[in-house]
Amino acid sequence: MKIIRIASVAILVLLLIGVFVAPIGPVPGFFIGGTPASAPEVWPDTSEVHEIELKVPGVLPRVVIIWVIQHEGELHVVGSPDSGWVKRIGGGSPVEMRLGDDTYALHASPVTEGWREILEAYVAKYEPDYPDIVAGFPSPEEADGAVGVFRLVRS
């Protein structure tokens, strides 16, 4: 009986640790995993990729699961200015992105021109599968200052 109790406690502790170190849904984690890889010259088609993991720096790094859009051959992520990961990126920051089993060292740069077209492509990609979530997004006309659009480029 004592062994079962110890095993149960050990499993519970491991599960709790997993919740705090790996991103799960909207809860950020610390570890991104994957195999380090060099960013390709041309990204593969990501139209069927709904989520990536993005690691942003900090005293304790933050790994979030977010949506990604490929626009004119470049990868972009979109977030609320109030989001912790967006605040950490600020005017630009090194990041790591996990796409499939590979992890890439990249640089996230804010997009200041042409971001409306990227936001429109983002909405078009995700609206068919997530209409309720996308319905809460601001329109491109209302989005100035309400969203941050970042381009992910090779470091």
C-alpha atoms as a PDB file:
ATOM      1  CA  MET A   1       0.000   0.000   0.000  1.00  0.00           C
ATOM      2  CA  LYS A   2       2.855   2.342   0.838  1.00  0.00           C
ATOM      3  CA  ILE A   3       4.418   1.778  -2.614  1.00  0.00           C
ATOM      4  CA  ILE A   4       1.145   2.662  -4.351  1.00  0.00           C
ATOM      5  CA  ARG A   5       0.870   5.862  -2.303  1.00  0.00           C
ATOM      6  CA  ILE A   6       4.476   6.849  -3.097  1.00  0.00           C
ATOM      7  CA  ALA A   7       3.983   6.044  -6.791  1.00  0.00           C
ATOM      8  CA  SER A   8       0.766   8.094  -6.861  1.00  0.00           C
ATOM      9  CA  VAL A   9       2.475  11.078  -5.268  1.00  0.00           C
ATOM     10  CA  ALA A  10       5.423  10.766  -7.684  1.00  0.00           C
ATOM     11  CA  ILE A  11       3.089  10.697 -10.693  1.00  0.00           C
ATOM     12  CA  LEU A  12       1.186  13.715  -9.378  1.00  0.00           C
ATOM     13  CA  VAL A  13       4.431  15.649  -8.838  1.00  0.00           C
ATOM     14  CA  LEU A  14       5.626  14.801 -12.367  1.00  0.00           C
ATOM     15  CA  LEU A  15       2.321  15.950 -13.840  1.00  0.00           C
ATOM     16  CA  LEU A  16       2.486  19.225 -11.926  1.00  0.00           C
ATOM     17  CA  ILE A  17       6.054  19.796 -13.079  1.00  0.00           C
ATOM     18  CA  GLY A  18       4.971  19.104 -16.657  1.00  0.00           C
ATOM     19  CA  VAL A  19       2.217  21.691 -16.391  1.00  0.00           C
ATOM     20  CA  PHE A  20       4.702  24.349 -15.315  1.00  0.00           C
ATOM     21  CA  VAL A  21       7.551  23.650 -17.751  1.00  0.00           C
ATOM     22  CA  ALA A  22       5.807  22.759 -21.008  1.00  0.00           C
ATOM     23  CA  PRO A  23       3.303  24.983 -22.785  1.00  0.00           C
ATOM     24  CA  ILE A  24      -0.195  23.550 -22.614  1.00  0.00           C
ATOM     25  CA  GLY A  25      -2.883  25.451 -24.487  1.00  0.00           C
ATOM     26  CA  PRO A  26      -2.918  29.055 -23.284  1.00  0.00           C
ATOM     27  CA  VAL A  27      -0.525  28.336 -20.402  1.00  0.00           C
ATOM     28  CA  PRO A  28       3.098  29.194 -21.271  1.00  0.00           C
ATOM     29  CA  GLY A  29       5.962  26.877 -20.444  1.00  0.00           C
ATOM     30  CA  PHE A  30       9.757  27.100 -20.278  1.00  0.00           C
ATOM     31  CA  PHE A  31      10.997  24.374 -22.630  1.00  0.00           C
ATOM     32  CA  ILE A  32      10.480  24.253 -26.386  1.00  0.00           C
ATOM     33  CA  GLY A  33      12.025  20.872 -27.232  1.00  0.00           C
ATOM     34  CA  GLY A  34      12.587  19.769 -30.806  1.00  0.00           C
ATOM     35  CA  THR A  35      15.786  19.263 -32.756  1.00  0.00           C
ATOM     36  CA  PRO A  36      17.847  22.396 -33.475  1.00  0.00           C
ATOM     37  CA  ALA A  37      17.916  23.075 -37.216  1.00  0.00           C
ATOM     38  CA  SER A  38      19.096  25.812 -39.546  1.00  0.00           C
ATOM     39  CA  ALA A  39      16.327  27.970 -40.926  1.00  0.00           C
ATOM     40  CA  PRO A  40      15.734  27.151 -44.594  1.00  0.00           C
ATOM     41  CA  GLU A  41      16.181  29.744 -47.319  1.00  0.00           C
ATOM     42  CA  VAL A  42      12.540  29.137 -48.270  1.00  0.00           C
ATOM     43  CA  TRP A  43      10.011  28.012 -45.671  1.00  0.00           C
ATOM     44  CA  PRO A  44       7.861  25.000 -46.569  1.00  0.00           C
ATOM     45  CA  ASP A  45       4.151  25.599 -47.068  1.00  0.00           C
ATOM     46  CA  THR A  46       2.573  26.194 -43.652  1.00  0.00           C
ATOM     47  CA  SER A  47      -1.037  26.512 -44.796  1.00  0.00           C
ATOM     48  CA  GLU A  48      -1.922  23.290 -42.965  1.00  0.00           C
ATOM     49  CA  VAL A  49       0.113  24.187 -39.850  1.00  0.00           C
ATOM     50  CA  HIS A  50      -2.179  25.655 -37.235  1.00  0.00           C
ATOM     51  CA  GLU A  51       0.138  26.001 -34.245  1.00  0.00           C
ATOM     52  CA  ILE A  52       3.787  26.538 -33.525  1.00  0.00           C
ATOM     53  CA  GLU A  53       5.692  26.941 -30.302  1.00  0.00           C
ATOM     54  CA  LEU A  54       7.520  30.223 -29.842  1.00  0.00           C
ATOM     55  CA  LYS A  55      10.147  30.781 -27.152  1.00  0.00           C
ATOM     56  CA  VAL A  56      10.851  34.354 -26.121  1.00  0.00           C
ATOM     57  CA  PRO A  57      13.726  35.358 -23.837  1.00  0.00           C
ATOM     58  CA  GLY A  58      13.544  36.492 -20.247  1.00  0.00           C
ATOM     59  CA  VAL A  59      14.933  35.594 -16.844  1.00  0.00           C
ATOM     60  CA  LEU A  60      12.653  32.609 -17.201  1.00  0.00           C
ATOM     61  CA  PRO A  61      12.013  32.104 -20.915  1.00  0.00           C
ATOM     62  CA  ARG A  62       8.410  31.860 -22.022  1.00  0.00           C
ATOM     63  CA  VAL A  63       7.212  29.281 -24.536  1.00  0.00           C
ATOM     64  CA  VAL A  64       3.774  29.855 -26.008  1.00  0.00           C
ATOM     65  CA  ILE A  65       1.676  27.909 -28.462  1.00  0.00           C
ATOM     66  CA  ILE A  66       0.439  30.323 -31.112  1.00  0.00           C
ATOM     67  CA  TRP A  67      -0.874  30.515 -34.647  1.00  0.00           C
ATOM     68  CA  VAL A  68       1.419  31.273 -37.572  1.00  0.00           C
ATOM     69  CA  ILE A  69       0.771  32.760 -40.996  1.00  0.00           C
ATOM     70  CA  GLN A  70       2.983  32.579 -44.052  1.00  0.00           C
ATOM     71  CA  HIS A  71       2.668  35.727 -46.132  1.00  0.00           C
ATOM     72  CA  GLU A  72       4.807  36.424 -49.185  1.00  0.00           C
ATOM     73  CA  GLY A  73       7.171  33.620 -48.170  1.00  0.00           C
ATOM     74  CA  GLU A  74       7.801  34.955 -44.653  1.00  0.00           C
ATOM     75  CA  LEU A  75       6.428  33.610 -41.379  1.00  0.00           C
ATOM     76  CA  HIS A  76       4.476  35.925 -39.067  1.00  0.00           C
ATOM     77  CA  VAL A  77       2.834  35.741 -35.664  1.00  0.00           C
ATOM     78  CA  VAL A  78       0.179  38.039 -34.259  1.00  0.00           C
ATOM     79  CA  GLY A  79      -0.560  38.884 -30.657  1.00  0.00           C
ATOM     80  CA  SER A  80      -2.156  41.348 -28.298  1.00  0.00           C
ATOM     81  CA  PRO A  81       0.097  44.150 -27.011  1.00  0.00           C
ATOM     82  CA  ASP A  82      -0.978  43.115 -23.483  1.00  0.00           C
ATOM     83  CA  SER A  83       0.354  39.585 -23.985  1.00  0.00           C
ATOM     84  CA  GLY A  84       3.488  38.693 -22.046  1.00  0.00           C
ATOM     85  CA  TRP A  85       5.296  37.275 -25.070  1.00  0.00           C
ATOM     86  CA  VAL A  86       4.528  40.386 -27.156  1.00  0.00           C
ATOM     87  CA  LYS A  87       5.866  42.639 -24.385  1.00  0.00           C
ATOM     88  CA  ARG A  88       9.052  40.573 -24.226  1.00  0.00           C
ATOM     89  CA  ILE A  89       9.631  40.870 -27.963  1.00  0.00           C
ATOM     90  CA  GLY A  90       8.967  44.623 -27.919  1.00  0.00           C
ATOM     91  CA  GLY A  91      10.875  46.311 -30.749  1.00  0.00           C
ATOM     92  CA  GLY A  92      12.521  43.041 -31.793  1.00  0.00           C
ATOM     93  CA  SER A  93      14.080  40.068 -30.106  1.00  0.00           C
ATOM     94  CA  PRO A  94      15.776  36.751 -30.687  1.00  0.00           C
ATOM     95  CA  VAL A  95      13.273  33.893 -30.466  1.00  0.00           C
ATOM     96  CA  GLU A  96      13.124  30.172 -31.065  1.00  0.00           C
ATOM     97  CA  MET A  97      10.348  28.618 -33.102  1.00  0.00           C
ATOM     98  CA  ARG A  98       9.378  24.978 -33.110  1.00  0.00           C
ATOM     99  CA  LEU A  99       7.754  23.868 -36.328  1.00  0.00           C
ATOM    100  CA  GLY A 100       7.075  20.140 -36.316  1.00  0.00           C
ATOM    101  CA  ASP A 101      10.083  18.398 -34.807  1.00  0.00           C
ATOM    102  CA  ASP A 102      12.562  21.154 -35.696  1.00  0.00           C
ATOM    103  CA  THR A 103      13.483  24.210 -33.642  1.00  0.00           C
ATOM    104  CA  TYR A 104      14.876  27.306 -35.352  1.00  0.00           C
ATOM    105  CA  ALA A 105      16.787  30.255 -33.886  1.00  0.00           C
ATOM    106  CA  LEU A 106      15.108  33.319 -35.388  1.00  0.00           C
ATOM    107  CA  HIS A 107      14.594  37.022 -34.811  1.00  0.00           C
ATOM    108  CA  ALA A 108      11.109  38.469 -34.314  1.00  0.00           C
ATOM    109  CA  SER A 109      10.756  41.950 -35.795  1.00  0.00           C
ATOM    110  CA  PRO A 110       7.646  44.112 -35.547  1.00  0.00           C
ATOM    111  CA  VAL A 111       5.967  44.769 -38.877  1.00  0.00           C
ATOM    112  CA  THR A 112       5.149  48.459 -39.196  1.00  0.00           C
ATOM    113  CA  GLU A 113       4.232  48.611 -42.896  1.00  0.00           C
ATOM    114  CA  GLY A 114       1.950  46.190 -44.713  1.00  0.00           C
ATOM    115  CA  TRP A 115       0.746  44.594 -41.474  1.00  0.00           C
ATOM    116  CA  ARG A 116      -2.935  44.930 -42.436  1.00  0.00           C
ATOM    117  CA  GLU A 117      -2.481  42.529 -45.372  1.00  0.00           C
ATOM    118  CA  ILE A 118      -0.749  40.060 -43.045  1.00  0.00           C
ATOM    119  CA  LEU A 119      -3.589  40.365 -40.528  1.00  0.00           C
ATOM    120  CA  GLU A 120      -6.156  39.803 -43.294  1.00  0.00           C
ATOM    121  CA  ALA A 121      -4.280  36.655 -44.424  1.00  0.00           C
ATOM    122  CA  TYR A 122      -4.121  35.508 -40.774  1.00  0.00           C
ATOM    123  CA  VAL A 123      -7.892  35.910 -40.365  1.00  0.00           C
ATOM    124  CA  ALA A 124      -8.561  34.191 -43.711  1.00  0.00           C
ATOM    125  CA  LYS A 125      -6.432  31.213 -42.680  1.00  0.00           C
ATOM    126  CA  TYR A 126      -7.992  30.653 -39.250  1.00  0.00           C
ATOM    127  CA  GLU A 127     -11.604  31.796 -39.692  1.00  0.00           C
ATOM    128  CA  PRO A 128     -12.847  28.548 -41.329  1.00  0.00           C
ATOM    129  CA  ASP A 129     -11.628  26.369 -38.440  1.00  0.00           C
ATOM    130  CA  TYR A 130     -11.981  28.813 -35.526  1.00  0.00           C
ATOM    131  CA  PRO A 131     -14.865  31.167 -36.423  1.00  0.00           C
ATOM    132  CA  ASP A 132     -15.801  31.990 -32.812  1.00  0.00           C
ATOM    133  CA  ILE A 133     -12.248  32.980 -31.884  1.00  0.00           C
ATOM    134  CA  VAL A 134     -11.610  34.958 -35.068  1.00  0.00           C
ATOM    135  CA  ALA A 135     -14.953  36.783 -34.654  1.00  0.00           C
ATOM    136  CA  GLY A 136     -13.423  38.447 -31.573  1.00  0.00           C
ATOM    137  CA  PHE A 137     -10.475  39.895 -33.533  1.00  0.00           C
ATOM    138  CA  PRO A 138     -10.513  43.581 -34.384  1.00  0.00           C
ATOM    139  CA  SER A 139     -11.046  44.454 -38.018  1.00  0.00           C
ATOM    140  CA  PRO A 140      -7.929  45.579 -39.895  1.00  0.00           C
ATOM    141  CA  GLU A 141      -9.236  49.152 -39.646  1.00  0.00           C
ATOM    142  CA  GLU A 142      -9.581  48.871 -35.841  1.00  0.00           C
ATOM    143  CA  ALA A 143      -6.430  46.828 -35.282  1.00  0.00           C
ATOM    144  CA  ASP A 144      -3.877  49.663 -35.290  1.00  0.00           C
ATOM    145  CA  GLY A 145      -2.380  49.468 -31.793  1.00  0.00           C
ATOM    146  CA  ALA A 146      -4.691  46.582 -30.859  1.00  0.00           C
ATOM    147  CA  VAL A 147      -2.427  43.858 -32.291  1.00  0.00           C
ATOM    148  CA  GLY A 148       1.264  43.282 -32.753  1.00  0.00           C
ATOM    149  CA  VAL A 149       2.389  41.634 -35.994  1.00  0.00           C
ATOM    150  CA  PHE A 150       5.880  40.140 -36.012  1.00  0.00           C
ATOM    151  CA  ARG A 151       7.971  38.727 -38.856  1.00  0.00           C
ATOM    152  CA  LEU A 152      10.129  35.720 -37.969  1.00  0.00           C
ATOM    153  CA  VAL A 153      13.431  35.908 -39.832  1.00  0.00           C
ATOM    154  CA  ARG A 154      16.691  33.980 -39.744  1.00  0.00           C
ATOM    155  CA  SER A 155      19.100  35.228 -37.068  1.00  0.00           C
END
